[in-house]
Amino acid sequence: MPELIEIRWHGRGGQGVVTASELVAETALQEGKYFQAFPEYGPERMGAPIRAFTRLSSSPISQHCQITEPDVVIVLDPTLIGTIDVTDGLNNEGVLVVNTSLTPAELRFKLNYNKGKIYAVDASRIALDTVGRNIPNTPMLGALLKAIEVVDKGNMIHEMRSRFSSRGLGAEVVEANVKAFQRGYEEVQAA
């Protein structure tokens, strides 16, 4: 992992954007890394666009601001594409991971984005298949770790089980989320 990884998350309220950002940070903590995870939203309602940010480092992090030049951008809601510039500030070597039924090549064309790597996964379909609701955060976490291993996959699964169980989710729901994560990891495509 590079010295500092900065991740910007785009989604809508209710899709688990903040939870996903925090899960990456909590897993990094368990691995002895430094981290920051924070959302950007106001009094928006369910379905309103939101952003979250995650920083990971092997050294203390002195920055305490929004991420404007991310290394990785994660888009949980494909309807945001064309509404906002999700690639804004993404560096030339950046990684873009999008929840979409489009292929990575189709997505690159649609975005007119010719830098970095693009990863596409139909996280909404996976979430509906496994969890029974369109909450794409766990398959997107799997896709993220396939695209760039910011934390260990096994540690992430352990953290997901721990966090979801502690929030009172039943074992069946917890394991459905783990399955969604694993499918996101396996089904993501790159271009």
N, C-alpha and C. Protein backbone atom coordinates (compact mmCIF):
# COMPACT_ATOMS: atom_id res chain seq x y z
N MET A 1 0.84 -1.18 0.00
CA MET A 1 0.00 0.00 0.00
C MET A 1 0.89 1.24 0.00
N PRO A 2 0.57 2.23 -0.86
CA PRO A 2 1.32 3.49 -0.82
C PRO A 2 1.21 4.14 0.56
N GLU A 3 2.06 5.11 0.80
CA GLU A 3 2.10 5.79 2.11
C GLU A 3 0.72 6.30 2.52
N LEU A 4 -0.02 6.90 1.60
CA LEU A 4 -1.33 7.45 1.91
C LEU A 4 -2.30 7.13 0.78
N ILE A 5 -3.44 6.55 1.12
CA ILE A 5 -4.50 6.27 0.14
C ILE A 5 -5.69 7.13 0.52
N GLU A 6 -6.22 7.86 -0.45
CA GLU A 6 -7.40 8.69 -0.20
C GLU A 6 -8.55 8.19 -1.07
N ILE A 7 -9.68 7.92 -0.43
CA ILE A 7 -10.85 7.36 -1.11
C ILE A 7 -12.03 8.31 -0.94
N ARG A 8 -12.70 8.60 -2.05
CA ARG A 8 -13.94 9.39 -2.01
C ARG A 8 -15.09 8.50 -2.43
N TRP A 9 -16.16 8.51 -1.65
CA TRP A 9 -17.34 7.68 -1.88
C TRP A 9 -18.49 8.57 -2.32
N HIS A 10 -19.23 8.14 -3.34
CA HIS A 10 -20.44 8.84 -3.79
C HIS A 10 -21.62 7.88 -3.71
N GLY A 11 -22.71 8.36 -3.21
CA GLY A 11 -23.91 7.53 -3.15
C GLY A 11 -25.10 8.37 -2.72
N ARG A 12 -26.12 7.69 -2.29
CA ARG A 12 -27.32 8.35 -1.79
C ARG A 12 -27.62 7.84 -0.39
N GLY A 13 -28.29 8.68 0.39
CA GLY A 13 -28.65 8.29 1.74
C GLY A 13 -29.40 6.97 1.74
N GLY A 14 -29.01 6.06 2.61
CA GLY A 14 -29.66 4.76 2.72
C GLY A 14 -28.96 3.64 1.98
N GLN A 15 -27.91 3.96 1.22
CA GLN A 15 -27.19 2.93 0.46
C GLN A 15 -26.00 2.35 1.21
N GLY A 16 -25.72 2.88 2.39
CA GLY A 16 -24.61 2.36 3.18
C GLY A 16 -23.26 2.98 2.87
N VAL A 17 -23.25 4.19 2.30
CA VAL A 17 -22.00 4.86 1.95
C VAL A 17 -21.15 5.09 3.20
N VAL A 18 -21.75 5.65 4.23
CA VAL A 18 -21.01 5.97 5.45
C VAL A 18 -20.54 4.68 6.12
N THR A 19 -21.38 3.68 6.18
CA THR A 19 -21.01 2.40 6.78
C THR A 19 -19.82 1.79 6.04
N ALA A 20 -19.84 1.81 4.72
CA ALA A 20 -18.73 1.24 3.94
C ALA A 20 -17.43 1.98 4.23
N SER A 21 -17.50 3.31 4.25
CA SER A 21 -16.32 4.12 4.54
C SER A 21 -15.75 3.77 5.91
N GLU A 22 -16.63 3.65 6.89
CA GLU A 22 -16.20 3.33 8.25
C GLU A 22 -15.65 1.91 8.36
N LEU A 23 -16.25 0.96 7.64
CA LEU A 23 -15.75 -0.42 7.68
C LEU A 23 -14.31 -0.52 7.17
N VAL A 24 -14.01 0.22 6.12
CA VAL A 24 -12.63 0.22 5.62
C VAL A 24 -11.69 0.79 6.69
N ALA A 25 -12.11 1.89 7.32
CA ALA A 25 -11.29 2.52 8.36
C ALA A 25 -11.13 1.60 9.57
N GLU A 26 -12.21 0.97 10.01
CA GLU A 26 -12.14 0.09 11.18
C GLU A 26 -11.27 -1.13 10.91
N THR A 27 -11.30 -1.62 9.68
CA THR A 27 -10.43 -2.74 9.32
C THR A 27 -8.97 -2.29 9.33
N ALA A 28 -8.72 -1.09 8.83
CA ALA A 28 -7.35 -0.54 8.85
C ALA A 28 -6.85 -0.40 10.28
N LEU A 29 -7.72 0.03 11.19
CA LEU A 29 -7.35 0.14 12.61
C LEU A 29 -6.91 -1.22 13.14
N GLN A 30 -7.68 -2.27 12.82
CA GLN A 30 -7.35 -3.62 13.28
C GLN A 30 -6.00 -4.09 12.71
N GLU A 31 -5.60 -3.51 11.58
CA GLU A 31 -4.33 -3.87 10.94
C GLU A 31 -3.19 -2.97 11.39
N GLY A 32 -3.46 -2.07 12.33
CA GLY A 32 -2.42 -1.20 12.84
C GLY A 32 -2.11 0.00 11.97
N LYS A 33 -3.02 0.35 11.06
CA LYS A 33 -2.83 1.50 10.19
C LYS A 33 -3.51 2.72 10.79
N TYR A 34 -3.11 3.87 10.30
CA TYR A 34 -3.76 5.12 10.66
C TYR A 34 -4.90 5.36 9.68
N PHE A 35 -5.94 6.04 10.12
CA PHE A 35 -7.10 6.21 9.26
C PHE A 35 -7.90 7.45 9.63
N GLN A 36 -8.72 7.87 8.69
CA GLN A 36 -9.79 8.85 8.89
C GLN A 36 -10.97 8.37 8.06
N ALA A 37 -12.17 8.55 8.59
CA ALA A 37 -13.38 8.25 7.83
C ALA A 37 -14.43 9.24 8.29
N PHE A 38 -14.99 9.98 7.33
CA PHE A 38 -16.00 10.97 7.70
C PHE A 38 -16.93 11.23 6.53
N PRO A 39 -18.19 11.49 6.84
CA PRO A 39 -19.18 11.77 5.79
C PRO A 39 -19.30 13.27 5.54
N GLU A 40 -19.91 13.59 4.40
CA GLU A 40 -20.26 14.98 4.10
C GLU A 40 -21.74 14.99 3.71
N TYR A 41 -22.54 15.42 4.62
CA TYR A 41 -23.97 15.57 4.35
C TYR A 41 -24.56 16.46 5.41
N GLY A 42 -25.67 17.06 5.09
CA GLY A 42 -26.37 17.91 6.04
C GLY A 42 -27.66 17.26 6.44
N PRO A 43 -28.73 18.02 6.44
CA PRO A 43 -30.01 17.48 6.87
C PRO A 43 -30.76 16.74 5.76
N GLU A 44 -30.01 16.18 4.80
CA GLU A 44 -30.64 15.52 3.67
C GLU A 44 -31.47 14.32 4.12
N ARG A 45 -32.40 13.98 3.30
CA ARG A 45 -33.26 12.84 3.57
C ARG A 45 -32.75 11.61 2.84
N MET A 46 -33.39 10.50 3.12
CA MET A 46 -33.06 9.24 2.45
C MET A 46 -33.13 9.47 0.94
N GLY A 47 -32.11 9.04 0.22
CA GLY A 47 -32.08 9.18 -1.23
C GLY A 47 -31.34 10.40 -1.73
N ALA A 48 -30.98 11.33 -0.83
CA ALA A 48 -30.24 12.52 -1.25
C ALA A 48 -28.77 12.14 -1.50
N PRO A 49 -28.11 12.80 -2.47
CA PRO A 49 -26.69 12.52 -2.72
C PRO A 49 -25.84 12.85 -1.50
N ILE A 50 -24.92 11.97 -1.19
CA ILE A 50 -23.96 12.20 -0.11
C ILE A 50 -22.58 11.74 -0.56
N ARG A 51 -21.58 12.24 0.16
CA ARG A 51 -20.21 11.80 -0.06
C ARG A 51 -19.62 11.38 1.28
N ALA A 52 -18.67 10.50 1.22
CA ALA A 52 -17.91 10.13 2.41
C ALA A 52 -16.45 10.04 1.98
N PHE A 53 -15.57 10.11 2.95
CA PHE A 53 -14.14 10.12 2.67
C PHE A 53 -13.43 9.16 3.61
N THR A 54 -12.39 8.49 3.08
CA THR A 54 -11.57 7.60 3.89
C THR A 54 -10.11 7.85 3.52
N ARG A 55 -9.30 8.02 4.55
CA ARG A 55 -7.85 8.10 4.37
C ARG A 55 -7.23 6.94 5.14
N LEU A 56 -6.23 6.30 4.53
CA LEU A 56 -5.49 5.21 5.16
C LEU A 56 -4.01 5.45 4.98
N SER A 57 -3.25 5.18 6.03
CA SER A 57 -1.81 5.40 5.94
C SER A 57 -1.08 4.51 6.93
N SER A 58 0.19 4.26 6.64
CA SER A 58 1.04 3.54 7.58
C SER A 58 1.69 4.50 8.57
N SER A 59 1.49 5.82 8.36
CA SER A 59 2.03 6.87 9.23
C SER A 59 0.89 7.77 9.69
N PRO A 60 1.10 8.54 10.75
CA PRO A 60 0.05 9.46 11.19
C PRO A 60 -0.40 10.39 10.05
N ILE A 61 -1.67 10.71 10.05
CA ILE A 61 -2.25 11.56 9.01
C ILE A 61 -2.46 12.96 9.59
N SER A 62 -1.86 13.95 8.94
CA SER A 62 -1.97 15.33 9.47
C SER A 62 -3.05 16.14 8.77
N GLN A 63 -3.54 15.69 7.63
CA GLN A 63 -4.59 16.41 6.92
C GLN A 63 -5.94 16.15 7.58
N HIS A 64 -6.76 17.18 7.64
CA HIS A 64 -8.09 17.05 8.22
C HIS A 64 -9.07 17.86 7.38
N CYS A 65 -9.25 17.44 6.15
CA CYS A 65 -10.11 18.17 5.22
C CYS A 65 -10.73 17.17 4.24
N GLN A 66 -11.63 17.68 3.42
CA GLN A 66 -12.21 16.83 2.37
C GLN A 66 -11.11 16.34 1.44
N ILE A 67 -11.42 15.28 0.74
CA ILE A 67 -10.48 14.72 -0.24
C ILE A 67 -10.86 15.27 -1.60
N THR A 68 -9.98 16.09 -2.18
CA THR A 68 -10.27 16.71 -3.48
C THR A 68 -9.51 16.05 -4.62
N GLU A 69 -8.44 15.32 -4.30
CA GLU A 69 -7.65 14.61 -5.31
C GLU A 69 -7.49 13.16 -4.87
N PRO A 70 -8.59 12.39 -4.96
CA PRO A 70 -8.56 11.01 -4.47
C PRO A 70 -7.73 10.08 -5.34
N ASP A 71 -7.27 9.02 -4.70
CA ASP A 71 -6.61 7.92 -5.41
C ASP A 71 -7.66 6.94 -5.92
N VAL A 72 -8.78 6.86 -5.18
CA VAL A 72 -9.85 5.93 -5.49
C VAL A 72 -11.18 6.66 -5.34
N VAL A 73 -12.09 6.42 -6.29
CA VAL A 73 -13.46 6.93 -6.20
C VAL A 73 -14.39 5.72 -6.31
N ILE A 74 -15.34 5.64 -5.37
CA ILE A 74 -16.33 4.57 -5.35
C ILE A 74 -17.69 5.21 -5.57
N VAL A 75 -18.45 4.71 -6.55
CA VAL A 75 -19.78 5.24 -6.86
C VAL A 75 -20.80 4.15 -6.60
N LEU A 76 -21.59 4.32 -5.54
CA LEU A 76 -22.60 3.33 -5.19
C LEU A 76 -23.89 3.51 -5.97
N ASP A 77 -24.16 4.70 -6.45
CA ASP A 77 -25.41 4.95 -7.17
C ASP A 77 -25.10 5.43 -8.59
N PRO A 78 -25.36 4.60 -9.59
CA PRO A 78 -25.02 4.97 -10.97
C PRO A 78 -25.84 6.15 -11.51
N THR A 79 -26.96 6.50 -10.86
CA THR A 79 -27.73 7.66 -11.34
C THR A 79 -27.01 8.97 -11.06
N LEU A 80 -25.96 8.93 -10.26
CA LEU A 80 -25.17 10.15 -10.01
C LEU A 80 -24.29 10.50 -11.21
N ILE A 81 -23.98 9.50 -12.03
CA ILE A 81 -23.16 9.74 -13.22
C ILE A 81 -23.94 10.62 -14.18
N GLY A 82 -23.34 11.71 -14.57
CA GLY A 82 -24.00 12.68 -15.44
C GLY A 82 -24.65 13.79 -14.63
N THR A 83 -24.94 13.53 -13.36
CA THR A 83 -25.50 14.55 -12.48
C THR A 83 -24.37 15.32 -11.82
N ILE A 84 -23.35 14.59 -11.38
CA ILE A 84 -22.14 15.20 -10.82
C ILE A 84 -20.93 14.57 -11.49
N ASP A 85 -19.80 15.27 -11.44
CA ASP A 85 -18.58 14.74 -12.03
C ASP A 85 -17.88 13.88 -10.99
N VAL A 86 -18.15 12.58 -11.02
CA VAL A 86 -17.59 11.67 -10.03
C VAL A 86 -16.08 11.51 -10.19
N THR A 87 -15.54 11.84 -11.35
CA THR A 87 -14.10 11.71 -11.58
C THR A 87 -13.33 12.98 -11.24
N ASP A 88 -14.02 14.01 -10.78
CA ASP A 88 -13.38 15.29 -10.46
C ASP A 88 -12.21 15.07 -9.50
N GLY A 89 -11.03 15.50 -9.91
CA GLY A 89 -9.85 15.42 -9.08
C GLY A 89 -9.17 14.06 -9.02
N LEU A 90 -9.78 13.03 -9.62
CA LEU A 90 -9.18 11.70 -9.59
C LEU A 90 -7.84 11.74 -10.32
N ASN A 91 -6.79 11.30 -9.65
CA ASN A 91 -5.47 11.43 -10.26
C ASN A 91 -5.31 10.51 -11.47
N ASN A 92 -4.28 10.76 -12.25
CA ASN A 92 -4.07 10.04 -13.53
C ASN A 92 -3.92 8.54 -13.35
N GLU A 93 -3.46 8.10 -12.21
CA GLU A 93 -3.29 6.67 -11.93
C GLU A 93 -4.47 6.15 -11.11
N GLY A 94 -5.49 6.96 -10.97
CA GLY A 94 -6.60 6.66 -10.07
C GLY A 94 -7.41 5.43 -10.44
N VAL A 95 -8.20 5.00 -9.46
CA VAL A 95 -9.06 3.84 -9.59
C VAL A 95 -10.50 4.30 -9.38
N LEU A 96 -11.36 3.95 -10.33
CA LEU A 96 -12.78 4.28 -10.26
C LEU A 96 -13.55 2.97 -10.20
N VAL A 97 -14.37 2.80 -9.15
CA VAL A 97 -15.17 1.58 -8.98
C VAL A 97 -16.63 2.01 -8.95
N VAL A 98 -17.42 1.48 -9.91
CA VAL A 98 -18.80 1.94 -10.07
C VAL A 98 -19.78 0.78 -10.02
N ASN A 99 -20.87 1.00 -9.32
CA ASN A 99 -22.01 0.08 -9.29
C ASN A 99 -22.81 0.33 -10.57
N THR A 100 -22.72 -0.58 -11.51
CA THR A 100 -23.40 -0.39 -12.80
C THR A 100 -23.54 -1.73 -13.51
N SER A 101 -24.52 -1.79 -14.38
CA SER A 101 -24.66 -2.98 -15.23
C SER A 101 -23.87 -2.81 -16.53
N LEU A 102 -23.27 -1.63 -16.74
CA LEU A 102 -22.44 -1.40 -17.92
C LEU A 102 -21.11 -2.13 -17.78
N THR A 103 -20.48 -2.41 -18.90
CA THR A 103 -19.13 -2.96 -18.86
C THR A 103 -18.17 -1.81 -18.54
N PRO A 104 -16.97 -2.12 -18.09
CA PRO A 104 -16.00 -1.05 -17.85
C PRO A 104 -15.74 -0.20 -19.10
N ALA A 105 -15.69 -0.82 -20.28
CA ALA A 105 -15.45 -0.08 -21.53
C ALA A 105 -16.62 0.87 -21.82
N GLU A 106 -17.85 0.38 -21.64
CA GLU A 106 -19.03 1.24 -21.84
C GLU A 106 -19.03 2.39 -20.85
N LEU A 107 -18.65 2.11 -19.63
CA LEU A 107 -18.59 3.14 -18.60
C LEU A 107 -17.53 4.19 -18.92
N ARG A 108 -16.36 3.73 -19.38
CA ARG A 108 -15.29 4.67 -19.76
C ARG A 108 -15.78 5.60 -20.87
N PHE A 109 -16.48 5.05 -21.85
CA PHE A 109 -17.02 5.86 -22.95
C PHE A 109 -18.06 6.85 -22.43
N LYS A 110 -18.97 6.38 -21.60
CA LYS A 110 -20.03 7.24 -21.07
C LYS A 110 -19.46 8.40 -20.26
N LEU A 111 -18.42 8.12 -19.49
CA LEU A 111 -17.79 9.14 -18.66
C LEU A 111 -16.80 10.01 -19.44
N ASN A 112 -16.41 9.54 -20.64
CA ASN A 112 -15.36 10.21 -21.40
C ASN A 112 -14.13 10.38 -20.52
N TYR A 113 -13.77 9.29 -19.88
CA TYR A 113 -12.67 9.30 -18.92
C TYR A 113 -11.59 8.35 -19.42
N ASN A 114 -10.41 8.90 -19.75
CA ASN A 114 -9.35 8.12 -20.39
C ASN A 114 -8.12 7.94 -19.52
N LYS A 115 -8.29 8.09 -18.21
CA LYS A 115 -7.16 7.94 -17.29
C LYS A 115 -7.42 6.73 -16.39
N GLY A 116 -6.41 6.35 -15.66
CA GLY A 116 -6.55 5.36 -14.61
C GLY A 116 -7.25 4.07 -14.99
N LYS A 117 -7.73 3.38 -13.97
CA LYS A 117 -8.42 2.10 -14.16
C LYS A 117 -9.88 2.26 -13.76
N ILE A 118 -10.74 1.59 -14.50
CA ILE A 118 -12.17 1.60 -14.21
C ILE A 118 -12.60 0.17 -13.90
N TYR A 119 -13.36 0.05 -12.81
CA TYR A 119 -13.91 -1.24 -12.40
C TYR A 119 -15.43 -1.09 -12.33
N ALA A 120 -16.13 -2.09 -12.82
CA ALA A 120 -17.59 -2.06 -12.82
C ALA A 120 -18.11 -3.36 -12.22
N VAL A 121 -19.15 -3.23 -11.43
CA VAL A 121 -19.81 -4.39 -10.83
C VAL A 121 -21.28 -4.04 -10.63
N ASP A 122 -22.14 -4.97 -10.89
CA ASP A 122 -23.58 -4.74 -10.69
C ASP A 122 -23.91 -5.04 -9.23
N ALA A 123 -23.49 -4.13 -8.36
CA ALA A 123 -23.66 -4.31 -6.92
C ALA A 123 -25.13 -4.28 -6.50
N SER A 124 -25.95 -3.53 -7.21
CA SER A 124 -27.38 -3.49 -6.89
C SER A 124 -28.01 -4.87 -7.10
N ARG A 125 -27.67 -5.51 -8.21
CA ARG A 125 -28.20 -6.84 -8.49
C ARG A 125 -27.71 -7.84 -7.45
N ILE A 126 -26.44 -7.75 -7.11
CA ILE A 126 -25.87 -8.65 -6.10
C ILE A 126 -26.57 -8.45 -4.76
N ALA A 127 -26.78 -7.20 -4.37
CA ALA A 127 -27.44 -6.90 -3.09
C ALA A 127 -28.87 -7.44 -3.08
N LEU A 128 -29.57 -7.26 -4.18
CA LEU A 128 -30.94 -7.78 -4.26
C LEU A 128 -30.95 -9.31 -4.18
N ASP A 129 -29.99 -9.95 -4.85
CA ASP A 129 -29.90 -11.41 -4.84
C ASP A 129 -29.57 -11.97 -3.46
N THR A 130 -28.70 -11.30 -2.73
CA THR A 130 -28.18 -11.85 -1.48
C THR A 130 -28.88 -11.31 -0.24
N VAL A 131 -29.04 -10.00 -0.18
CA VAL A 131 -29.60 -9.34 1.01
C VAL A 131 -31.10 -9.11 0.86
N GLY A 132 -31.55 -9.03 -0.39
CA GLY A 132 -32.97 -8.81 -0.64
C GLY A 132 -33.36 -7.35 -0.67
N ARG A 133 -32.38 -6.47 -0.59
CA ARG A 133 -32.62 -5.02 -0.65
C ARG A 133 -31.50 -4.37 -1.45
N ASN A 134 -31.82 -3.24 -2.10
CA ASN A 134 -30.82 -2.54 -2.89
C ASN A 134 -29.96 -1.65 -1.99
N ILE A 135 -29.13 -2.31 -1.20
CA ILE A 135 -28.14 -1.62 -0.37
C ILE A 135 -26.78 -2.16 -0.84
N PRO A 136 -26.15 -1.46 -1.80
CA PRO A 136 -24.99 -2.01 -2.50
C PRO A 136 -23.64 -1.86 -1.80
N ASN A 137 -23.62 -1.43 -0.54
CA ASN A 137 -22.33 -1.14 0.08
C ASN A 137 -21.42 -2.37 0.23
N THR A 138 -21.96 -3.51 0.64
CA THR A 138 -21.06 -4.65 0.86
C THR A 138 -20.51 -5.24 -0.44
N PRO A 139 -21.30 -5.35 -1.52
CA PRO A 139 -20.66 -5.80 -2.76
C PRO A 139 -19.63 -4.78 -3.28
N MET A 140 -19.88 -3.50 -3.02
CA MET A 140 -18.92 -2.48 -3.46
C MET A 140 -17.62 -2.57 -2.66
N LEU A 141 -17.71 -2.96 -1.38
CA LEU A 141 -16.50 -3.18 -0.60
C LEU A 141 -15.69 -4.32 -1.20
N GLY A 142 -16.36 -5.39 -1.60
CA GLY A 142 -15.66 -6.49 -2.26
C GLY A 142 -14.98 -6.05 -3.54
N ALA A 143 -15.70 -5.27 -4.35
CA ALA A 143 -15.13 -4.76 -5.60
C ALA A 143 -13.92 -3.87 -5.34
N LEU A 144 -14.02 -3.02 -4.31
CA LEU A 144 -12.91 -2.14 -3.94
C LEU A 144 -11.67 -2.97 -3.61
N LEU A 145 -11.82 -4.00 -2.79
CA LEU A 145 -10.65 -4.80 -2.39
C LEU A 145 -10.07 -5.61 -3.53
N LYS A 146 -10.88 -5.94 -4.52
CA LYS A 146 -10.34 -6.61 -5.72
C LYS A 146 -9.55 -5.60 -6.56
N ALA A 147 -10.07 -4.36 -6.62
CA ALA A 147 -9.42 -3.32 -7.43
C ALA A 147 -8.10 -2.87 -6.80
N ILE A 148 -8.11 -2.68 -5.50
CA ILE A 148 -6.91 -2.22 -4.80
C ILE A 148 -7.00 -2.71 -3.36
N GLU A 149 -6.06 -3.52 -2.96
CA GLU A 149 -6.13 -4.14 -1.64
C GLU A 149 -5.69 -3.14 -0.58
N VAL A 150 -6.63 -2.28 -0.17
CA VAL A 150 -6.32 -1.27 0.84
C VAL A 150 -6.28 -1.88 2.24
N VAL A 151 -7.01 -2.97 2.44
CA VAL A 151 -6.97 -3.75 3.67
C VAL A 151 -7.09 -5.22 3.27
N ASP A 152 -6.79 -6.10 4.19
CA ASP A 152 -6.86 -7.53 3.93
C ASP A 152 -8.32 -7.99 3.82
N LYS A 153 -8.59 -8.81 2.82
CA LYS A 153 -9.95 -9.30 2.58
C LYS A 153 -10.51 -10.07 3.78
N GLY A 154 -9.74 -10.96 4.35
CA GLY A 154 -10.19 -11.72 5.51
C GLY A 154 -10.48 -10.84 6.71
N ASN A 155 -9.64 -9.83 6.91
CA ASN A 155 -9.86 -8.89 8.00
C ASN A 155 -11.15 -8.09 7.78
N MET A 156 -11.43 -7.75 6.53
CA MET A 156 -12.66 -7.01 6.23
C MET A 156 -13.89 -7.87 6.55
N ILE A 157 -13.85 -9.11 6.15
CA ILE A 157 -14.98 -10.01 6.44
C ILE A 157 -15.18 -10.13 7.95
N HIS A 158 -14.09 -10.28 8.68
CA HIS A 158 -14.18 -10.36 10.15
C HIS A 158 -14.81 -9.09 10.71
N GLU A 159 -14.37 -7.93 10.24
CA GLU A 159 -14.90 -6.65 10.73
C GLU A 159 -16.37 -6.49 10.37
N MET A 160 -16.76 -6.92 9.17
CA MET A 160 -18.17 -6.85 8.78
C MET A 160 -19.02 -7.70 9.72
N ARG A 161 -18.59 -8.91 9.97
CA ARG A 161 -19.35 -9.80 10.86
C ARG A 161 -19.48 -9.19 12.25
N SER A 162 -18.39 -8.66 12.74
CA SER A 162 -18.38 -8.08 14.08
C SER A 162 -19.31 -6.86 14.17
N ARG A 163 -19.17 -5.96 13.22
CA ARG A 163 -19.97 -4.73 13.26
C ARG A 163 -21.45 -5.02 13.06
N PHE A 164 -21.79 -5.81 12.06
CA PHE A 164 -23.20 -6.07 11.79
C PHE A 164 -23.85 -6.86 12.92
N SER A 165 -23.11 -7.79 13.51
CA SER A 165 -23.65 -8.55 14.64
C SER A 165 -23.89 -7.64 15.84
N SER A 166 -22.94 -6.72 16.09
CA SER A 166 -23.08 -5.82 17.23
C SER A 166 -24.23 -4.83 17.06
N ARG A 167 -24.68 -4.65 15.84
CA ARG A 167 -25.82 -3.75 15.59
C ARG A 167 -27.15 -4.50 15.62
N GLY A 168 -27.10 -5.74 16.04
CA GLY A 168 -28.32 -6.49 16.21
C GLY A 168 -28.86 -7.16 14.97
N LEU A 169 -28.07 -7.20 13.91
CA LEU A 169 -28.51 -7.91 12.71
C LEU A 169 -28.38 -9.40 12.97
N GLY A 170 -29.36 -10.15 12.56
CA GLY A 170 -29.34 -11.59 12.75
C GLY A 170 -28.25 -12.26 11.93
N ALA A 171 -27.90 -13.46 12.33
CA ALA A 171 -26.83 -14.21 11.66
C ALA A 171 -27.10 -14.37 10.17
N GLU A 172 -28.37 -14.57 9.80
CA GLU A 172 -28.71 -14.75 8.39
C GLU A 172 -28.41 -13.49 7.57
N VAL A 173 -28.74 -12.33 8.13
CA VAL A 173 -28.48 -11.05 7.45
C VAL A 173 -26.98 -10.78 7.37
N VAL A 174 -26.28 -11.07 8.46
CA VAL A 174 -24.82 -10.87 8.48
C VAL A 174 -24.17 -11.72 7.39
N GLU A 175 -24.54 -12.98 7.32
CA GLU A 175 -23.93 -13.87 6.32
C GLU A 175 -24.36 -13.51 4.90
N ALA A 176 -25.56 -12.97 4.73
CA ALA A 176 -25.99 -12.50 3.41
C ALA A 176 -25.10 -11.34 2.96
N ASN A 177 -24.72 -10.46 3.89
CA ASN A 177 -23.82 -9.35 3.55
C ASN A 177 -22.42 -9.84 3.23
N VAL A 178 -21.96 -10.86 3.95
CA VAL A 178 -20.65 -11.44 3.64
C VAL A 178 -20.67 -12.07 2.24
N LYS A 179 -21.76 -12.75 1.92
CA LYS A 179 -21.90 -13.33 0.58
C LYS A 179 -21.92 -12.24 -0.49
N ALA A 180 -22.62 -11.13 -0.21
CA ALA A 180 -22.65 -10.00 -1.15
C ALA A 180 -21.25 -9.44 -1.35
N PHE A 181 -20.50 -9.31 -0.27
CA PHE A 181 -19.11 -8.83 -0.35
C PHE A 181 -18.29 -9.75 -1.24
N GLN A 182 -18.38 -11.07 -1.00
CA GLN A 182 -17.59 -12.03 -1.77
C GLN A 182 -17.98 -12.02 -3.25
N ARG A 183 -19.28 -11.88 -3.53
CA ARG A 183 -19.70 -11.82 -4.93
C ARG A 183 -19.19 -10.55 -5.60
N GLY A 184 -19.21 -9.42 -4.89
CA GLY A 184 -18.66 -8.19 -5.45
C GLY A 184 -17.18 -8.35 -5.78
N TYR A 185 -16.46 -9.02 -4.91
CA TYR A 185 -15.03 -9.28 -5.12
C TYR A 185 -14.83 -10.15 -6.36
N GLU A 186 -15.66 -11.18 -6.52
CA GLU A 186 -15.50 -12.11 -7.63
C GLU A 186 -16.03 -11.58 -8.96
N GLU A 187 -17.08 -10.75 -8.93
CA GLU A 187 -17.76 -10.37 -10.17
C GLU A 187 -17.31 -9.03 -10.76
N VAL A 188 -16.51 -8.27 -10.04
CA VAL A 188 -16.07 -6.97 -10.56
C VAL A 188 -15.22 -7.18 -11.82
N GLN A 189 -15.38 -6.29 -12.79
CA GLN A 189 -14.62 -6.35 -14.05
C GLN A 189 -13.80 -5.08 -14.19
N ALA A 190 -12.66 -5.18 -14.83
CA ALA A 190 -11.75 -4.05 -14.98
C ALA A 190 -11.52 -3.69 -16.44
N ALA A 191 -11.19 -2.40 -16.65
CA ALA A 191 -10.75 -1.94 -17.98
C ALA A 191 -9.70 -0.88 -17.82
